[in-house]
Amino acid sequence: METKKYSSYAQIELELEILKVERELNIKRIVLDVEKTKESLLPQNVLKGFIGDYKSIFSNYSGKIINIALSLVINWILKRKRGH
């Protein structure tokens, strides 16, 4: 990092004020990230995320899954009627 050269105390004060505001902003971002993380780790949100992931996976394969499940149910019913 290159060292800065200041020609007045006003420039130094301005730079310090900018750094102070940036620091406060970064602290607020960290606090917000921690709060979001805490919220995402709540049991109901973990469950929602888990269910949401499976919904998206199953929605892509829903036709195939229904066909397989339907054929298994039909075969099971036919076997019960035959007495096997």
PDB file of N, CA and C in Angstrom:
ATOM      1  N   MET A   1       0.839  -1.176   0.000  1.00  0.00           N
ATOM      2  CA  MET A   1       0.000   0.000   0.000  1.00  0.00           C
ATOM      3  C   MET A   1       0.885   1.241   0.000  1.00  0.00           C
ATOM      4  N   GLU A   2       0.547   2.141  -0.855  1.00  0.00           N
ATOM      5  CA  GLU A   2       1.321   3.370  -0.980  1.00  0.00           C
ATOM      6  C   GLU A   2       0.983   4.329   0.158  1.00  0.00           C
ATOM      7  N   THR A   3       2.009   4.969   0.721  1.00  0.00           N
ATOM      8  CA  THR A   3       1.758   5.930   1.794  1.00  0.00           C
ATOM      9  C   THR A   3       1.220   7.223   1.201  1.00  0.00           C
ATOM     10  N   LYS A   4       0.240   7.779   1.908  1.00  0.00           N
ATOM     11  CA  LYS A   4      -0.378   9.013   1.433  1.00  0.00           C
ATOM     12  C   LYS A   4       0.356  10.208   2.018  1.00  0.00           C
ATOM     13  N   LYS A   5       0.376  11.264   1.256  1.00  0.00           N
ATOM     14  CA  LYS A   5       0.968  12.513   1.733  1.00  0.00           C
ATOM     15  C   LYS A   5      -0.132  13.559   1.825  1.00  0.00           C
ATOM     16  N   TYR A   6      -0.196  14.166   2.970  1.00  0.00           N
ATOM     17  CA  TYR A   6      -1.219  15.158   3.220  1.00  0.00           C
ATOM     18  C   TYR A   6      -0.575  16.531   3.294  1.00  0.00           C
ATOM     19  N   SER A   7      -1.302  17.527   2.761  1.00  0.00           N
ATOM     20  CA  SER A   7      -0.762  18.878   2.785  1.00  0.00           C
ATOM     21  C   SER A   7      -1.370  19.732   3.889  1.00  0.00           C
ATOM     22  N   SER A   8      -2.429  19.174   4.563  1.00  0.00           N
ATOM     23  CA  SER A   8      -3.033  19.941   5.660  1.00  0.00           C
ATOM     24  C   SER A   8      -3.670  18.982   6.664  1.00  0.00           C
ATOM     25  N   TYR A   9      -3.925  19.530   7.828  1.00  0.00           N
ATOM     26  CA  TYR A   9      -4.595  18.747   8.861  1.00  0.00           C
ATOM     27  C   TYR A   9      -6.048  18.472   8.463  1.00  0.00           C
ATOM     28  N   ALA A  10      -6.638  19.335   7.670  1.00  0.00           N
ATOM     29  CA  ALA A  10      -8.015  19.139   7.220  1.00  0.00           C
ATOM     30  C   ALA A  10      -8.120  17.869   6.372  1.00  0.00           C
ATOM     31  N   GLN A  11      -7.140  17.617   5.535  1.00  0.00           N
ATOM     32  CA  GLN A  11      -7.138  16.397   4.726  1.00  0.00           C
ATOM     33  C   GLN A  11      -7.014  15.153   5.613  1.00  0.00           C
ATOM     34  N   ILE A  12      -6.195  15.248   6.624  1.00  0.00           N
ATOM     35  CA  ILE A  12      -6.029  14.127   7.558  1.00  0.00           C
ATOM     36  C   ILE A  12      -7.338  13.863   8.296  1.00  0.00           C
ATOM     37  N   GLU A  13      -7.965  14.932   8.776  1.00  0.00           N
ATOM     38  CA  GLU A  13      -9.238  14.797   9.484  1.00  0.00           C
ATOM     39  C   GLU A  13     -10.313  14.200   8.574  1.00  0.00           C
ATOM     40  N   LEU A  14     -10.353  14.621   7.326  1.00  0.00           N
ATOM     41  CA  LEU A  14     -11.325  14.089   6.378  1.00  0.00           C
ATOM     42  C   LEU A  14     -11.081  12.600   6.141  1.00  0.00           C
ATOM     43  N   GLU A  15      -9.835  12.219   5.958  1.00  0.00           N
ATOM     44  CA  GLU A  15      -9.481  10.814   5.756  1.00  0.00           C
ATOM     45  C   GLU A  15      -9.863   9.976   6.980  1.00  0.00           C
ATOM     46  N   LEU A  16      -9.607  10.490   8.172  1.00  0.00           N
ATOM     47  CA  LEU A  16      -9.973   9.781   9.393  1.00  0.00           C
ATOM     48  C   LEU A  16     -11.486   9.625   9.517  1.00  0.00           C
ATOM     49  N   GLU A  17     -12.224  10.648   9.141  1.00  0.00           N
ATOM     50  CA  GLU A  17     -13.686  10.581   9.183  1.00  0.00           C
ATOM     51  C   GLU A  17     -14.210   9.531   8.200  1.00  0.00           C
ATOM     52  N   ILE A  18     -13.626   9.488   7.000  1.00  0.00           N
ATOM     53  CA  ILE A  18     -14.018   8.483   6.005  1.00  0.00           C
ATOM     54  C   ILE A  18     -13.736   7.079   6.533  1.00  0.00           C
ATOM     55  N   LEU A  19     -12.567   6.885   7.116  1.00  0.00           N
ATOM     56  CA  LEU A  19     -12.213   5.575   7.661  1.00  0.00           C
ATOM     57  C   LEU A  19     -13.143   5.172   8.799  1.00  0.00           C
ATOM     58  N   LYS A  20     -13.533   6.146   9.612  1.00  0.00           N
ATOM     59  CA  LYS A  20     -14.447   5.877  10.721  1.00  0.00           C
ATOM     60  C   LYS A  20     -15.810   5.421  10.201  1.00  0.00           C
ATOM     61  N   VAL A  21     -16.319   6.098   9.179  1.00  0.00           N
ATOM     62  CA  VAL A  21     -17.611   5.741   8.609  1.00  0.00           C
ATOM     63  C   VAL A  21     -17.528   4.356   7.953  1.00  0.00           C
ATOM     64  N   GLU A  22     -16.448   4.078   7.242  1.00  0.00           N
ATOM     65  CA  GLU A  22     -16.268   2.765   6.620  1.00  0.00           C
ATOM     66  C   GLU A  22     -16.215   1.660   7.677  1.00  0.00           C
ATOM     67  N   ARG A  23     -15.538   1.929   8.781  1.00  0.00           N
ATOM     68  CA  ARG A  23     -15.445   0.949   9.873  1.00  0.00           C
ATOM     69  C   ARG A  23     -16.819   0.670  10.460  1.00  0.00           C
ATOM     70  N   GLU A  24     -17.600   1.729  10.712  1.00  0.00           N
ATOM     71  CA  GLU A  24     -18.944   1.556  11.261  1.00  0.00           C
ATOM     72  C   GLU A  24     -19.833   0.764  10.295  1.00  0.00           C
ATOM     73  N   LEU A  25     -19.711   1.051   9.019  1.00  0.00           N
ATOM     74  CA  LEU A  25     -20.475   0.334   8.007  1.00  0.00           C
ATOM     75  C   LEU A  25     -20.101  -1.144   7.984  1.00  0.00           C
ATOM     76  N   ASN A  26     -18.817  -1.444   8.054  1.00  0.00           N
ATOM     77  CA  ASN A  26     -18.367  -2.836   8.069  1.00  0.00           C
ATOM     78  C   ASN A  26     -18.853  -3.573   9.316  1.00  0.00           C
ATOM     79  N   ILE A  27     -18.854  -2.886  10.453  1.00  0.00           N
ATOM     80  CA  ILE A  27     -19.355  -3.503  11.691  1.00  0.00           C
ATOM     81  C   ILE A  27     -20.840  -3.809  11.557  1.00  0.00           C
ATOM     82  N   LYS A  28     -21.617  -2.880  10.987  1.00  0.00           N
ATOM     83  CA  LYS A  28     -23.051  -3.110  10.797  1.00  0.00           C
ATOM     84  C   LYS A  28     -23.292  -4.270   9.838  1.00  0.00           C
ATOM     85  N   ARG A  29     -22.471  -4.390   8.820  1.00  0.00           N
ATOM     86  CA  ARG A  29     -22.603  -5.522   7.884  1.00  0.00           C
ATOM     87  C   ARG A  29     -22.331  -6.841   8.594  1.00  0.00           C
ATOM     88  N   ILE A  30     -21.316  -6.863   9.435  1.00  0.00           N
ATOM     89  CA  ILE A  30     -20.994  -8.088  10.182  1.00  0.00           C
ATOM     90  C   ILE A  30     -22.141  -8.452  11.113  1.00  0.00           C
ATOM     91  N   VAL A  31     -22.682  -7.466  11.817  1.00  0.00           N
ATOM     92  CA  VAL A  31     -23.801  -7.719  12.731  1.00  0.00           C
ATOM     93  C   VAL A  31     -24.999  -8.252  11.947  1.00  0.00           C
ATOM     94  N   LEU A  32     -25.288  -7.663  10.799  1.00  0.00           N
ATOM     95  CA  LEU A  32     -26.403  -8.127   9.973  1.00  0.00           C
ATOM     96  C   LEU A  32     -26.164  -9.552   9.479  1.00  0.00           C
ATOM     97  N   ASP A  33     -24.946  -9.865   9.060  1.00  0.00           N
ATOM     98  CA  ASP A  33     -24.624 -11.224   8.619  1.00  0.00           C
ATOM     99  C   ASP A  33     -24.790 -12.239   9.751  1.00  0.00           C
ATOM    100  N   VAL A  34     -24.374 -11.858  10.956  1.00  0.00           N
ATOM    101  CA  VAL A  34     -24.528 -12.746  12.112  1.00  0.00           C
ATOM    102  C   VAL A  34     -26.009 -12.974  12.395  1.00  0.00           C
ATOM    103  N   GLU A  35     -26.818 -11.915  12.326  1.00  0.00           N
ATOM    104  CA  GLU A  35     -28.255 -12.059  12.571  1.00  0.00           C
ATOM    105  C   GLU A  35     -28.898 -12.953  11.510  1.00  0.00           C
ATOM    106  N   LYS A  36     -28.517 -12.775  10.250  1.00  0.00           N
ATOM    107  CA  LYS A  36     -29.056 -13.621   9.179  1.00  0.00           C
ATOM    108  C   LYS A  36     -28.657 -15.076   9.390  1.00  0.00           C
ATOM    109  N   THR A  37     -27.425 -15.299   9.830  1.00  0.00           N
ATOM    110  CA  THR A  37     -26.967 -16.665  10.081  1.00  0.00           C
ATOM    111  C   THR A  37     -27.744 -17.289  11.222  1.00  0.00           C
ATOM    112  N   LYS A  38     -27.940 -16.530  12.310  1.00  0.00           N
ATOM    113  CA  LYS A  38     -28.728 -17.035  13.439  1.00  0.00           C
ATOM    114  C   LYS A  38     -30.136 -17.391  12.985  1.00  0.00           C
ATOM    115  N   GLU A  39     -30.728 -16.512  12.186  1.00  0.00           N
ATOM    116  CA  GLU A  39     -32.087 -16.734  11.710  1.00  0.00           C
ATOM    117  C   GLU A  39     -32.160 -17.961  10.808  1.00  0.00           C
ATOM    118  N   SER A  40     -31.165 -18.145   9.965  1.00  0.00           N
ATOM    119  CA  SER A  40     -31.194 -19.293   9.052  1.00  0.00           C
ATOM    120  C   SER A  40     -30.971 -20.610   9.788  1.00  0.00           C
ATOM    121  N   LEU A  41     -30.401 -20.558  10.985  1.00  0.00           N
ATOM    122  CA  LEU A  41     -30.160 -21.777  11.755  1.00  0.00           C
ATOM    123  C   LEU A  41     -31.312 -22.131  12.700  1.00  0.00           C
ATOM    124  N   LEU A  42     -32.367 -21.316  12.711  1.00  0.00           N
ATOM    125  CA  LEU A  42     -33.539 -21.655  13.515  1.00  0.00           C
ATOM    126  C   LEU A  42     -34.164 -22.928  12.947  1.00  0.00           C
ATOM    127  N   PRO A  43     -34.685 -23.794  13.814  1.00  0.00           N
ATOM    128  CA  PRO A  43     -35.209 -25.088  13.342  1.00  0.00           C
ATOM    129  C   PRO A  43     -36.234 -24.971  12.210  1.00  0.00           C
ATOM    130  N   GLN A  44     -37.163 -24.014  12.315  1.00  0.00           N
ATOM    131  CA  GLN A  44     -38.183 -23.919  11.266  1.00  0.00           C
ATOM    132  C   GLN A  44     -37.577 -23.491   9.933  1.00  0.00           C
ATOM    133  N   ASN A  45     -36.535 -22.666   9.959  1.00  0.00           N
ATOM    134  CA  ASN A  45     -35.908 -22.243   8.711  1.00  0.00           C
ATOM    135  C   ASN A  45     -35.034 -23.341   8.118  1.00  0.00           C
ATOM    136  N   VAL A  46     -34.407 -24.134   8.980  1.00  0.00           N
ATOM    137  CA  VAL A  46     -33.624 -25.275   8.485  1.00  0.00           C
ATOM    138  C   VAL A  46     -34.563 -26.265   7.808  1.00  0.00           C
ATOM    139  N   LEU A  47     -35.717 -26.512   8.437  1.00  0.00           N
ATOM    140  CA  LEU A  47     -36.697 -27.439   7.876  1.00  0.00           C
ATOM    141  C   LEU A  47     -37.244 -26.912   6.555  1.00  0.00           C
ATOM    142  N   LYS A  48     -37.536 -25.617   6.492  1.00  0.00           N
ATOM    143  CA  LYS A  48     -38.024 -25.024   5.240  1.00  0.00           C
ATOM    144  C   LYS A  48     -36.985 -25.184   4.130  1.00  0.00           C
ATOM    145  N   GLY A  49     -35.742 -24.945   4.455  1.00  0.00           N
ATOM    146  CA  GLY A  49     -34.684 -25.098   3.459  1.00  0.00           C
ATOM    147  C   GLY A  49     -34.546 -26.528   3.001  1.00  0.00           C
ATOM    148  N   PHE A  50     -34.641 -27.468   3.935  1.00  0.00           N
ATOM    149  CA  PHE A  50     -34.537 -28.892   3.625  1.00  0.00           C
ATOM    150  C   PHE A  50     -35.674 -29.319   2.714  1.00  0.00           C
ATOM    151  N   ILE A  51     -36.883 -28.915   3.069  1.00  0.00           N
ATOM    152  CA  ILE A  51     -38.059 -29.269   2.267  1.00  0.00           C
ATOM    153  C   ILE A  51     -37.987 -28.583   0.908  1.00  0.00           C
ATOM    154  N   GLY A  52     -37.565 -27.333   0.889  1.00  0.00           N
ATOM    155  CA  GLY A  52     -37.456 -26.601  -0.376  1.00  0.00           C
ATOM    156  C   GLY A  52     -36.474 -27.257  -1.329  1.00  0.00           C
ATOM    157  N   ASP A  53     -35.363 -27.752  -0.810  1.00  0.00           N
ATOM    158  CA  ASP A  53     -34.380 -28.430  -1.651  1.00  0.00           C
ATOM    159  C   ASP A  53     -34.968 -29.689  -2.255  1.00  0.00           C
ATOM    160  N   TYR A  54     -35.676 -30.467  -1.443  1.00  0.00           N
ATOM    161  CA  TYR A  54     -36.272 -31.691  -1.960  1.00  0.00           C
ATOM    162  C   TYR A  54     -37.401 -31.403  -2.929  1.00  0.00           C
ATOM    163  N   LYS A  55     -38.152 -30.321  -2.680  1.00  0.00           N
ATOM    164  CA  LYS A  55     -39.212 -29.950  -3.620  1.00  0.00           C
ATOM    165  C   LYS A  55     -38.624 -29.659  -4.993  1.00  0.00           C
ATOM    166  N   SER A  56     -37.533 -28.899  -5.022  1.00  0.00           N
ATOM    167  CA  SER A  56     -36.941 -28.560  -6.313  1.00  0.00           C
ATOM    168  C   SER A  56     -36.364 -29.792  -6.998  1.00  0.00           C
ATOM    169  N   ILE A  57     -35.795 -30.705  -6.236  1.00  0.00           N
ATOM    170  CA  ILE A  57     -35.249 -31.938  -6.818  1.00  0.00           C
ATOM    171  C   ILE A  57     -36.380 -32.796  -7.372  1.00  0.00           C
ATOM    172  N   PHE A  58     -37.442 -32.968  -6.567  1.00  0.00           N
ATOM    173  CA  PHE A  58     -38.541 -33.820  -6.994  1.00  0.00           C
ATOM    174  C   PHE A  58     -39.353 -33.190  -8.118  1.00  0.00           C
ATOM    175  N   SER A  59     -39.412 -31.870  -8.183  1.00  0.00           N
ATOM    176  CA  SER A  59     -40.190 -31.246  -9.252  1.00  0.00           C
ATOM    177  C   SER A  59     -39.562 -31.532 -10.610  1.00  0.00           C
ATOM    178  N   ASN A  60     -38.251 -31.682 -10.670  1.00  0.00           N
ATOM    179  CA  ASN A  60     -37.586 -31.992 -11.929  1.00  0.00           C
ATOM    180  C   ASN A  60     -37.874 -33.415 -12.381  1.00  0.00           C
ATOM    181  N   TYR A  61     -38.086 -34.312 -11.430  1.00  0.00           N
ATOM    182  CA  TYR A  61     -38.281 -35.722 -11.742  1.00  0.00           C
ATOM    183  C   TYR A  61     -39.680 -36.212 -11.366  1.00  0.00           C
ATOM    184  N   SER A  62     -40.629 -35.309 -11.198  1.00  0.00           N
ATOM    185  CA  SER A  62     -41.941 -35.704 -10.678  1.00  0.00           C
ATOM    186  C   SER A  62     -42.654 -36.685 -11.602  1.00  0.00           C
ATOM    187  N   GLY A  63     -42.582 -36.517 -12.903  1.00  0.00           N
ATOM    188  CA  GLY A  63     -43.247 -37.428 -13.826  1.00  0.00           C
ATOM    189  C   GLY A  63     -42.701 -38.839 -13.712  1.00  0.00           C
ATOM    190  N   LYS A  64     -41.405 -38.961 -13.668  1.00  0.00           N
ATOM    191  CA  LYS A  64     -40.769 -40.272 -13.549  1.00  0.00           C
ATOM    192  C   LYS A  64     -41.098 -40.915 -12.207  1.00  0.00           C
ATOM    193  N   ILE A  65     -41.058 -40.123 -11.149  1.00  0.00           N
ATOM    194  CA  ILE A  65     -41.337 -40.643  -9.808  1.00  0.00           C
ATOM    195  C   ILE A  65     -42.777 -41.132  -9.721  1.00  0.00           C
ATOM    196  N   ILE A  66     -43.706 -40.365 -10.280  1.00  0.00           N
ATOM    197  CA  ILE A  66     -45.118 -40.768 -10.241  1.00  0.00           C
ATOM    198  C   ILE A  66     -45.319 -42.054 -11.032  1.00  0.00           C
ATOM    199  N   ASN A  67     -44.690 -42.167 -12.194  1.00  0.00           N
ATOM    200  CA  ASN A  67     -44.833 -43.392 -12.996  1.00  0.00           C
ATOM    201  C   ASN A  67     -44.293 -44.608 -12.258  1.00  0.00           C
ATOM    202  N   ILE A  68     -43.143 -44.472 -11.641  1.00  0.00           N
ATOM    203  CA  ILE A  68     -42.556 -45.592 -10.896  1.00  0.00           C
ATOM    204  C   ILE A  68     -43.431 -45.953  -9.704  1.00  0.00           C
ATOM    205  N   ALA A  69     -43.856 -44.944  -8.948  1.00  0.00           N
ATOM    206  CA  ALA A  69     -44.689 -45.193  -7.768  1.00  0.00           C
ATOM    207  C   ALA A  69     -46.006 -45.823  -8.168  1.00  0.00           C
ATOM    208  N   LEU A  70     -46.596 -45.339  -9.246  1.00  0.00           N
ATOM    209  CA  LEU A  70     -47.868 -45.878  -9.704  1.00  0.00           C
ATOM    210  C   LEU A  70     -47.730 -47.332 -10.123  1.00  0.00           C
ATOM    211  N   SER A  71     -46.667 -47.660 -10.840  1.00  0.00           N
ATOM    212  CA  SER A  71     -46.476 -49.054 -11.255  1.00  0.00           C
ATOM    213  C   SER A  71     -46.218 -49.956 -10.047  1.00  0.00           C
ATOM    214  N   LEU A  72     -45.497 -49.475  -9.043  1.00  0.00           N
ATOM    215  CA  LEU A  72     -45.278 -50.269  -7.832  1.00  0.00           C
ATOM    216  C   LEU A  72     -46.578 -50.515  -7.086  1.00  0.00           C
ATOM    217  N   VAL A  73     -47.423 -49.495  -6.985  1.00  0.00           N
ATOM    218  CA  VAL A  73     -48.709 -49.637  -6.293  1.00  0.00           C
ATOM    219  C   VAL A  73     -49.603 -50.611  -7.049  1.00  0.00           C
ATOM    220  N   ILE A  74     -49.658 -50.501  -8.368  1.00  0.00           N
ATOM    221  CA  ILE A  74     -50.490 -51.401  -9.166  1.00  0.00           C
ATOM    222  C   ILE A  74     -50.011 -52.845  -9.017  1.00  0.00           C
ATOM    223  N   ASN A  75     -48.693 -53.060  -9.089  1.00  0.00           N
ATOM    224  CA  ASN A  75     -48.148 -54.409  -8.911  1.00  0.00           C
ATOM    225  C   ASN A  75     -48.461 -54.952  -7.523  1.00  0.00           C
ATOM    226  N   TRP A  76     -48.364 -54.132  -6.514  1.00  0.00           N
ATOM    227  CA  TRP A  76     -48.657 -54.551  -5.143  1.00  0.00           C
ATOM    228  C   TRP A  76     -50.130 -54.950  -5.009  1.00  0.00           C
ATOM    229  N   ILE A  77     -51.022 -54.146  -5.609  1.00  0.00           N
ATOM    230  CA  ILE A  77     -52.458 -54.443  -5.549  1.00  0.00           C
ATOM    231  C   ILE A  77     -52.755 -55.754  -6.280  1.00  0.00           C
ATOM    232  N   LEU A  78     -52.163 -55.938  -7.457  1.00  0.00           N
ATOM    233  CA  LEU A  78     -52.398 -57.167  -8.224  1.00  0.00           C
ATOM    234  C   LEU A  78     -51.895 -58.397  -7.476  1.00  0.00           C
ATOM    235  N   LYS A  79     -50.756 -58.301  -6.822  1.00  0.00           N
ATOM    236  CA  LYS A  79     -50.220 -59.427  -6.050  1.00  0.00           C
ATOM    237  C   LYS A  79     -51.120 -59.761  -4.869  1.00  0.00           C
ATOM    238  N   ARG A  80     -51.689 -58.751  -4.227  1.00  0.00           N
ATOM    239  CA  ARG A  80     -52.586 -58.988  -3.082  1.00  0.00           C
ATOM    240  C   ARG A  80     -53.863 -59.695  -3.537  1.00  0.00           C
ATOM    241  N   LYS A  81     -54.366 -59.304  -4.728  1.00  0.00           N
ATOM    242  CA  LYS A  81     -55.588 -59.918  -5.225  1.00  0.00           C
ATOM    243  C   LYS A  81     -55.360 -61.358  -5.632  1.00  0.00           C
ATOM    244  N   ARG A  82     -54.158 -61.666  -6.111  1.00  0.00           N
ATOM    245  CA  ARG A  82     -53.825 -63.032  -6.521  1.00  0.00           C
ATOM    246  C   ARG A  82     -53.497 -63.910  -5.302  1.00  0.00           C
ATOM    247  N   GLY A  83     -53.238 -63.308  -4.182  1.00  0.00           N
ATOM    248  CA  GLY A  83     -52.957 -64.063  -2.972  1.00  0.00           C
ATOM    249  C   GLY A  83     -51.501 -64.396  -2.766  1.00  0.00           C
ATOM    250  N   HIS A  84     -50.599 -63.704  -3.397  1.00  0.00           N
ATOM    251  CA  HIS A  84     -49.156 -63.961  -3.263  1.00  0.00           C
ATOM    252  C   HIS A  84     -48.610 -63.185  -2.128  1.00  0.00           C
TER     253      HIS A  84
END
